[in-house]
Amino acid sequence: MSFQKELKKREGPYERIVEWKTLANKNLDIILSMKIQMKFIFRWIAFNGLYSVSYEMDNGEKKAEKAQEWKKVEAFCDKFILTDKNLSSQIYSAEAKKIFFDNIKEKSNYMGKYLYDLKSARTKEEQAKYLVMIAYKIRCRLFHGEKNPSLDANQLVVETATKIINPILNYVIT
């Protein structure tokens, strides 16, 4: 059986891939109507550069090249968010926490762990860290085509993740 036929049998992934491809082929006005996702993607790219450089500065280039992405994000959180009440207070939001708990149903690939850690966290700094780690998993799901971008629940989660990343960029990049 050809790859294309096998892919079409997998309805969920196939539909998501087709939706992303269709969006990419639309004109700029339609793409711009997806501003929630675009803001998140552009902010995440900036944040990716930030935590990657921070990790490299602390660990050296060779170790940074081999490190898993989540370790770089976690190291950034440990270095900046857990140690800075001002930054963590800008990131933490009871509303964001509620939105994530109410709208993230799929708990595989560490998402469940981060939601549990968020629920169990004792301090605002720890809660802010786990909000960022959940935003990282949202990034993974969005970038790897695991979520349909136009579903209302996914848009709400992505918009919330954007609000979590934005204060970090504003705080560190002045």
Foldseek 3Di string as FASTA:
>chain_A
DDPVVVLVVVPQLNVLVVLVVVLVPDDPVSVVVLVLLVLLVVLVVVVLVVLLVVCCVVPNDVVSVVDDSLVSLLVVLVVPLLVDPVLLVQQDDPVLLVLCVVQDDDCPDCNVVLNVQLVVDDDSSSVLSSLQSNLVVLVVCVVVSVDRSPDPSNSVNSNSSSSNSVSVCVVPPD
